[in-house]
């Protein structure tokens, strides 16, 4: 398993977007330019360059992604990967088996969202950091499973129903990220 976190979002500029455009595949360039704002373009381009660096296999540079029925990107016959970004950073994970990663800025937790996505046990002692920790765990799990969020109710028990996955969570000052991966691995990112 390989993981990379980028948290120098002050580098998110139009100049940097223009510098990165010729460095990515045509597919990724088109995806980036669909974003209306510099932030989305930057994250799209930077995440691809980070992914390519982690994979380190030249033939994937111009290989187009495929998408499963739930919209999760993948490479045909390639390594598994997961990408996430927020205002505080970009997170990439690559492995030889399904993997999911999610990164979120620490922010105020909406009480309605807590009620709809967290089970009763998880809501005990809820605060903003706990919510973001649990949210990133849940997002990482559905990404590793390749299913994405199908409903908020699905998230209430997703962690307890995912015993085939190990979940690791890391906290920084302004963001939290979680990785869901097979239990056969020893975590070494």
Foldseek 3Di string as FASTA:
>chain_A
DDKDKDFPLVPQDPVVLVVQLVQAAPVLNVVLVVDPDSSSNVLSRVQLVVVCVVQVDVVVRHQDWDAPPQGQTDGVVGWEKEWEDESRIIMIDTDNAQKFKYKYWQDFDDPVLCVLAAAPVQPVVDGSVSVQQLVQQLQGQCRSVSRGDPGSNCRHCSVVVPPQWDKDKDDDPTMIMMMIDGPVDDDDD
